[in-house]
Amino acid sequence: MVPYVRKSFFKHYKDGLKYICNYTQEDLDRELTFSKGVASKDISICDNDTYCYPEAYNYAIDMTEREVY
């Protein structure tokens, strides 16, 4: 179940960057492809170094919690 929660979080984080932080598709591709040599979608939800946009992060947490319930 954990991989699916991580995948959902990453999807919501990406949406948060797009709609809250006004990122373009090019910005998303550049920002989310790799961080520290690891694909961002494989990084822990609690990794504050990777997810450094608090508005998008909080949106993703809220949407993931809602989706899990």
PDB file of N, CA and C in Angstrom:
ATOM      1  N   MET A   1       0.817  -1.190   0.000  1.00  0.00           N
ATOM      2  CA  MET A   1       0.000   0.000   0.000  1.00  0.00           C
ATOM      3  C   MET A   1       0.867   1.263   0.000  1.00  0.00           C
ATOM      4  N   VAL A   2       2.017   1.196   0.622  1.00  0.00           N
ATOM      5  CA  VAL A   2       2.888   2.366   0.718  1.00  0.00           C
ATOM      6  C   VAL A   2       3.273   2.916  -0.659  1.00  0.00           C
ATOM      7  N   PRO A   3       3.623   2.090  -1.637  1.00  0.00           N
ATOM      8  CA  PRO A   3       3.975   2.663  -2.939  1.00  0.00           C
ATOM      9  C   PRO A   3       2.827   3.460  -3.566  1.00  0.00           C
ATOM     10  N   TYR A   4       1.595   3.031  -3.317  1.00  0.00           N
ATOM     11  CA  TYR A   4       0.452   3.734  -3.886  1.00  0.00           C
ATOM     12  C   TYR A   4       0.212   5.067  -3.183  1.00  0.00           C
ATOM     13  N   VAL A   5       0.441   5.116  -1.885  1.00  0.00           N
ATOM     14  CA  VAL A   5       0.314   6.375  -1.145  1.00  0.00           C
ATOM     15  C   VAL A   5       1.397   7.341  -1.615  1.00  0.00           C
ATOM     16  N   ARG A   6       2.603   6.850  -1.787  1.00  0.00           N
ATOM     17  CA  ARG A   6       3.702   7.686  -2.265  1.00  0.00           C
ATOM     18  C   ARG A   6       3.393   8.224  -3.665  1.00  0.00           C
ATOM     19  N   LYS A   7       2.855   7.373  -4.521  1.00  0.00           N
ATOM     20  CA  LYS A   7       2.514   7.785  -5.877  1.00  0.00           C
ATOM     21  C   LYS A   7       1.412   8.842  -5.856  1.00  0.00           C
ATOM     22  N   SER A   8       0.413   8.664  -5.007  1.00  0.00           N
ATOM     23  CA  SER A   8      -0.665   9.642  -4.885  1.00  0.00           C
ATOM     24  C   SER A   8      -0.131  10.971  -4.372  1.00  0.00           C
ATOM     25  N   PHE A   9       0.737  10.909  -3.365  1.00  0.00           N
ATOM     26  CA  PHE A   9       1.323  12.139  -2.830  1.00  0.00           C
ATOM     27  C   PHE A   9       2.081  12.882  -3.917  1.00  0.00           C
ATOM     28  N   PHE A  10       2.890  12.168  -4.668  1.00  0.00           N
ATOM     29  CA  PHE A  10       3.693  12.799  -5.709  1.00  0.00           C
ATOM     30  C   PHE A  10       2.796  13.444  -6.761  1.00  0.00           C
ATOM     31  N   LYS A  11       1.707  12.766  -7.129  1.00  0.00           N
ATOM     32  CA  LYS A  11       0.756  13.311  -8.101  1.00  0.00           C
ATOM     33  C   LYS A  11       0.142  14.606  -7.571  1.00  0.00           C
ATOM     34  N   HIS A  12      -0.253  14.623  -6.305  1.00  0.00           N
ATOM     35  CA  HIS A  12      -0.860  15.812  -5.716  1.00  0.00           C
ATOM     36  C   HIS A  12       0.174  16.935  -5.539  1.00  0.00           C
ATOM     37  N   TYR A  13       1.395  16.583  -5.230  1.00  0.00           N
ATOM     38  CA  TYR A  13       2.452  17.594  -5.108  1.00  0.00           C
ATOM     39  C   TYR A  13       2.681  18.273  -6.461  1.00  0.00           C
ATOM     40  N   LYS A  14       2.692  17.469  -7.502  1.00  0.00           N
ATOM     41  CA  LYS A  14       2.861  17.996  -8.848  1.00  0.00           C
ATOM     42  C   LYS A  14       1.703  18.942  -9.202  1.00  0.00           C
ATOM     43  N   ASP A  15       0.478  18.554  -8.853  1.00  0.00           N
ATOM     44  CA  ASP A  15      -0.683  19.418  -9.080  1.00  0.00           C
ATOM     45  C   ASP A  15      -0.564  20.709  -8.279  1.00  0.00           C
ATOM     46  N   GLY A  16      -0.078  20.604  -7.050  1.00  0.00           N
ATOM     47  CA  GLY A  16       0.112  21.790  -6.224  1.00  0.00           C
ATOM     48  C   GLY A  16       1.111  22.754  -6.830  1.00  0.00           C
ATOM     49  N   LEU A  17       2.201  22.227  -7.359  1.00  0.00           N
ATOM     50  CA  LEU A  17       3.182  23.091  -8.021  1.00  0.00           C
ATOM     51  C   LEU A  17       2.574  23.761  -9.242  1.00  0.00           C
ATOM     52  N   LYS A  18       1.769  23.017  -9.963  1.00  0.00           N
ATOM     53  CA  LYS A  18       1.188  23.545 -11.188  1.00  0.00           C
ATOM     54  C   LYS A  18       0.146  24.624 -10.906  1.00  0.00           C
ATOM     55  N   TYR A  19      -0.757  24.378  -9.964  1.00  0.00           N
ATOM     56  CA  TYR A  19      -1.886  25.280  -9.764  1.00  0.00           C
ATOM     57  C   TYR A  19      -1.675  26.308  -8.653  1.00  0.00           C
ATOM     58  N   ILE A  20      -0.891  25.986  -7.664  1.00  0.00           N
ATOM     59  CA  ILE A  20      -0.653  26.932  -6.572  1.00  0.00           C
ATOM     60  C   ILE A  20       0.585  27.781  -6.848  1.00  0.00           C
ATOM     61  N   CYS A  21       1.651  27.141  -7.300  1.00  0.00           N
ATOM     62  CA  CYS A  21       2.908  27.854  -7.542  1.00  0.00           C
ATOM     63  C   CYS A  21       3.068  28.303  -8.991  1.00  0.00           C
ATOM     64  N   ASN A  22       2.071  28.018  -9.826  1.00  0.00           N
ATOM     65  CA  ASN A  22       2.052  28.450 -11.232  1.00  0.00           C
ATOM     66  C   ASN A  22       3.253  27.964 -12.041  1.00  0.00           C
ATOM     67  N   TYR A  23       3.601  26.696 -11.873  1.00  0.00           N
ATOM     68  CA  TYR A  23       4.687  26.108 -12.654  1.00  0.00           C
ATOM     69  C   TYR A  23       4.177  25.705 -14.028  1.00  0.00           C
ATOM     70  N   THR A  24       5.027  25.842 -15.027  1.00  0.00           N
ATOM     71  CA  THR A  24       4.710  25.347 -16.363  1.00  0.00           C
ATOM     72  C   THR A  24       5.145  23.886 -16.444  1.00  0.00           C
ATOM     73  N   GLN A  25       4.775  23.222 -17.527  1.00  0.00           N
ATOM     74  CA  GLN A  25       5.164  21.822 -17.695  1.00  0.00           C
ATOM     75  C   GLN A  25       6.681  21.681 -17.753  1.00  0.00           C
ATOM     76  N   GLU A  26       7.363  22.630 -18.389  1.00  0.00           N
ATOM     77  CA  GLU A  26       8.833  22.590 -18.454  1.00  0.00           C
ATOM     78  C   GLU A  26       9.442  22.705 -17.059  1.00  0.00           C
ATOM     79  N   ASP A  27       8.875  23.598 -16.239  1.00  0.00           N
ATOM     80  CA  ASP A  27       9.358  23.752 -14.862  1.00  0.00           C
ATOM     81  C   ASP A  27       9.155  22.467 -14.065  1.00  0.00           C
ATOM     82  N   LEU A  28       7.989  21.840 -14.244  1.00  0.00           N
ATOM     83  CA  LEU A  28       7.705  20.598 -13.527  1.00  0.00           C
ATOM     84  C   LEU A  28       8.677  19.502 -13.925  1.00  0.00           C
ATOM     85  N   ASP A  29       8.912  19.378 -15.215  1.00  0.00           N
ATOM     86  CA  ASP A  29       9.841  18.350 -15.693  1.00  0.00           C
ATOM     87  C   ASP A  29      11.239  18.552 -15.119  1.00  0.00           C
ATOM     88  N   ARG A  30      11.687  19.795 -15.100  1.00  0.00           N
ATOM     89  CA  ARG A  30      13.034  20.098 -14.586  1.00  0.00           C
ATOM     90  C   ARG A  30      13.097  19.896 -13.071  1.00  0.00           C
ATOM     91  N   GLU A  31      12.086  20.330 -12.358  1.00  0.00           N
ATOM     92  CA  GLU A  31      12.082  20.285 -10.892  1.00  0.00           C
ATOM     93  C   GLU A  31      11.912  18.872 -10.353  1.00  0.00           C
ATOM     94  N   LEU A  32      11.118  18.056 -11.010  1.00  0.00           N
ATOM     95  CA  LEU A  32      10.708  16.780 -10.425  1.00  0.00           C
ATOM     96  C   LEU A  32      11.388  15.550 -11.015  1.00  0.00           C
ATOM     97  N   THR A  33      12.263  15.721 -11.965  1.00  0.00           N
ATOM     98  CA  THR A  33      12.874  14.549 -12.581  1.00  0.00           C
ATOM     99  C   THR A  33      13.791  13.819 -11.609  1.00  0.00           C
ATOM    100  N   PHE A  34      14.812  14.479 -11.127  1.00  0.00           N
ATOM    101  CA  PHE A  34      15.762  13.839 -10.219  1.00  0.00           C
ATOM    102  C   PHE A  34      16.171  14.789  -9.117  1.00  0.00           C
ATOM    103  N   SER A  35      16.359  14.234  -7.957  1.00  0.00           N
ATOM    104  CA  SER A  35      16.880  14.985  -6.831  1.00  0.00           C
ATOM    105  C   SER A  35      17.855  14.070  -6.105  1.00  0.00           C
ATOM    106  N   LYS A  36      19.068  14.500  -5.963  1.00  0.00           N
ATOM    107  CA  LYS A  36      20.106  13.708  -5.302  1.00  0.00           C
ATOM    108  C   LYS A  36      20.331  12.373  -6.016  1.00  0.00           C
ATOM    109  N   GLY A  37      20.132  12.327  -7.323  1.00  0.00           N
ATOM    110  CA  GLY A  37      20.367  11.119  -8.084  1.00  0.00           C
ATOM    111  C   GLY A  37      19.263  10.089  -7.973  1.00  0.00           C
ATOM    112  N   VAL A  38      18.139  10.439  -7.336  1.00  0.00           N
ATOM    113  CA  VAL A  38      17.021   9.514  -7.164  1.00  0.00           C
ATOM    114  C   VAL A  38      15.791  10.170  -7.762  1.00  0.00           C
ATOM    115  N   ALA A  39      14.960   9.392  -8.423  1.00  0.00           N
ATOM    116  CA  ALA A  39      13.717   9.936  -8.960  1.00  0.00           C
ATOM    117  C   ALA A  39      12.882  10.476  -7.800  1.00  0.00           C
ATOM    118  N   SER A  40      12.377  11.685  -7.946  1.00  0.00           N
ATOM    119  CA  SER A  40      11.638  12.338  -6.862  1.00  0.00           C
ATOM    120  C   SER A  40      10.435  11.519  -6.411  1.00  0.00           C
ATOM    121  N   LYS A  41       9.794  10.814  -7.330  1.00  0.00           N
ATOM    122  CA  LYS A  41       8.621  10.036  -6.943  1.00  0.00           C
ATOM    123  C   LYS A  41       8.976   8.863  -6.029  1.00  0.00           C
ATOM    124  N   ASP A  42      10.256   8.525  -5.912  1.00  0.00           N
ATOM    125  CA  ASP A  42      10.697   7.435  -5.039  1.00  0.00           C
ATOM    126  C   ASP A  42      11.221   7.930  -3.699  1.00  0.00           C
ATOM    127  N   ILE A  43      11.214   9.235  -3.483  1.00  0.00           N
ATOM    128  CA  ILE A  43      11.731   9.813  -2.247  1.00  0.00           C
ATOM    129  C   ILE A  43      10.622   9.844  -1.206  1.00  0.00           C
ATOM    130  N   SER A  44      10.982   9.701   0.039  1.00  0.00           N
ATOM    131  CA  SER A  44      10.020   9.709   1.137  1.00  0.00           C
ATOM    132  C   SER A  44       9.202  10.988   1.158  1.00  0.00           C
ATOM    133  N   ILE A  45       7.976  10.873   1.607  1.00  0.00           N
ATOM    134  CA  ILE A  45       7.087  12.028   1.738  1.00  0.00           C
ATOM    135  C   ILE A  45       7.657  13.020   2.745  1.00  0.00           C
ATOM    136  N   CYS A  46       8.407  12.555   3.715  1.00  0.00           N
ATOM    137  CA  CYS A  46       8.926  13.414   4.784  1.00  0.00           C
ATOM    138  C   CYS A  46      10.250  14.089   4.435  1.00  0.00           C
ATOM    139  N   ASP A  47      10.751  13.925   3.244  1.00  0.00           N
ATOM    140  CA  ASP A  47      12.034  14.505   2.851  1.00  0.00           C
ATOM    141  C   ASP A  47      11.869  15.990   2.551  1.00  0.00           C
ATOM    142  N   ASN A  48      12.186  16.836   3.505  1.00  0.00           N
ATOM    143  CA  ASN A  48      11.984  18.279   3.369  1.00  0.00           C
ATOM    144  C   ASN A  48      12.945  18.929   2.385  1.00  0.00           C
ATOM    145  N   ASP A  49      14.060  18.279   2.072  1.00  0.00           N
ATOM    146  CA  ASP A  49      14.997  18.837   1.103  1.00  0.00           C
ATOM    147  C   ASP A  49      14.430  18.776  -0.313  1.00  0.00           C
ATOM    148  N   THR A  50      13.661  17.746  -0.605  1.00  0.00           N
ATOM    149  CA  THR A  50      13.084  17.576  -1.933  1.00  0.00           C
ATOM    150  C   THR A  50      11.827  18.411  -2.100  1.00  0.00           C
ATOM    151  N   TYR A  51      10.960  18.352  -1.118  1.00  0.00           N
ATOM    152  CA  TYR A  51       9.673  19.046  -1.199  1.00  0.00           C
ATOM    153  C   TYR A  51       9.789  20.375  -0.459  1.00  0.00           C
ATOM    154  N   CYS A  52      10.333  21.366  -1.139  1.00  0.00           N
ATOM    155  CA  CYS A  52      10.658  22.629  -0.468  1.00  0.00           C
ATOM    156  C   CYS A  52       9.677  23.753  -0.790  1.00  0.00           C
ATOM    157  N   TYR A  53       8.494  23.414  -1.270  1.00  0.00           N
ATOM    158  CA  TYR A  53       7.450  24.404  -1.533  1.00  0.00           C
ATOM    159  C   TYR A  53       6.303  24.124  -0.574  1.00  0.00           C
ATOM    160  N   PRO A  54       6.224  24.851   0.535  1.00  0.00           N
ATOM    161  CA  PRO A  54       5.276  24.504   1.598  1.00  0.00           C
ATOM    162  C   PRO A  54       3.816  24.509   1.177  1.00  0.00           C
ATOM    163  N   GLU A  55       3.414  25.420   0.295  1.00  0.00           N
ATOM    164  CA  GLU A  55       2.021  25.447  -0.117  1.00  0.00           C
ATOM    165  C   GLU A  55       1.661  24.183  -0.897  1.00  0.00           C
ATOM    166  N   ALA A  56       2.511  23.803  -1.829  1.00  0.00           N
ATOM    167  CA  ALA A  56       2.278  22.602  -2.629  1.00  0.00           C
ATOM    168  C   ALA A  56       2.377  21.352  -1.757  1.00  0.00           C
ATOM    169  N   TYR A  57       3.310  21.350  -0.817  1.00  0.00           N
ATOM    170  CA  TYR A  57       3.476  20.202   0.079  1.00  0.00           C
ATOM    171  C   TYR A  57       2.240  20.007   0.954  1.00  0.00           C
ATOM    172  N   ASN A  58       1.749  21.095   1.541  1.00  0.00           N
ATOM    173  CA  ASN A  58       0.564  20.994   2.397  1.00  0.00           C
ATOM    174  C   ASN A  58      -0.665  20.567   1.603  1.00  0.00           C
ATOM    175  N   TYR A  59      -0.800  21.067   0.383  1.00  0.00           N
ATOM    176  CA  TYR A  59      -1.888  20.646  -0.487  1.00  0.00           C
ATOM    177  C   TYR A  59      -1.795  19.146  -0.752  1.00  0.00           C
ATOM    178  N   ALA A  60      -0.598  18.667  -1.069  1.00  0.00           N
ATOM    179  CA  ALA A  60      -0.408  17.249  -1.374  1.00  0.00           C
ATOM    180  C   ALA A  60      -0.707  16.376  -0.164  1.00  0.00           C
ATOM    181  N   ILE A  61      -0.292  16.806   1.017  1.00  0.00           N
ATOM    182  CA  ILE A  61      -0.583  16.043   2.236  1.00  0.00           C
ATOM    183  C   ILE A  61      -2.090  15.969   2.454  1.00  0.00           C
ATOM    184  N   ASP A  62      -2.778  17.100   2.352  1.00  0.00           N
ATOM    185  CA  ASP A  62      -4.227  17.124   2.562  1.00  0.00           C
ATOM    186  C   ASP A  62      -4.963  16.241   1.560  1.00  0.00           C
ATOM    187  N   MET A  63      -4.607  16.344   0.304  1.00  0.00           N
ATOM    188  CA  MET A  63      -5.285  15.557  -0.737  1.00  0.00           C
ATOM    189  C   MET A  63      -4.983  14.070  -0.582  1.00  0.00           C
ATOM    190  N   THR A  64      -3.756  13.729  -0.211  1.00  0.00           N
ATOM    191  CA  THR A  64      -3.403  12.325  -0.012  1.00  0.00           C
ATOM    192  C   THR A  64      -4.164  11.739   1.170  1.00  0.00           C
ATOM    193  N   GLU A  65      -4.246  12.484   2.267  1.00  0.00           N
ATOM    194  CA  GLU A  65      -5.007  12.001   3.428  1.00  0.00           C
ATOM    195  C   GLU A  65      -6.472  11.806   3.063  1.00  0.00           C
ATOM    196  N   ARG A  66      -7.028  12.742   2.323  1.00  0.00           N
ATOM    197  CA  ARG A  66      -8.433  12.636   1.907  1.00  0.00           C
ATOM    198  C   ARG A  66      -8.631  11.421   1.011  1.00  0.00           C
ATOM    199  N   GLU A  67      -7.695  11.193   0.111  1.00  0.00           N
ATOM    200  CA  GLU A  67      -7.795  10.063  -0.814  1.00  0.00           C
ATOM    201  C   GLU A  67      -7.663   8.719  -0.097  1.00  0.00           C
ATOM    202  N   VAL A  68      -6.822   8.662   0.903  1.00  0.00           N
ATOM    203  CA  VAL A  68      -6.600   7.408   1.633  1.00  0.00           C
ATOM    204  C   VAL A  68      -7.834   7.005   2.435  1.00  0.00           C
ATOM    205  N   TYR A  69      -8.528   8.009   2.989  1.00  0.00           N
ATOM    206  CA  TYR A  69      -9.731   7.691   3.749  1.00  0.00           C
ATOM    207  C   TYR A  69     -10.847   7.355   2.812  1.00  0.00           C
TER     208      TYR A  69
END
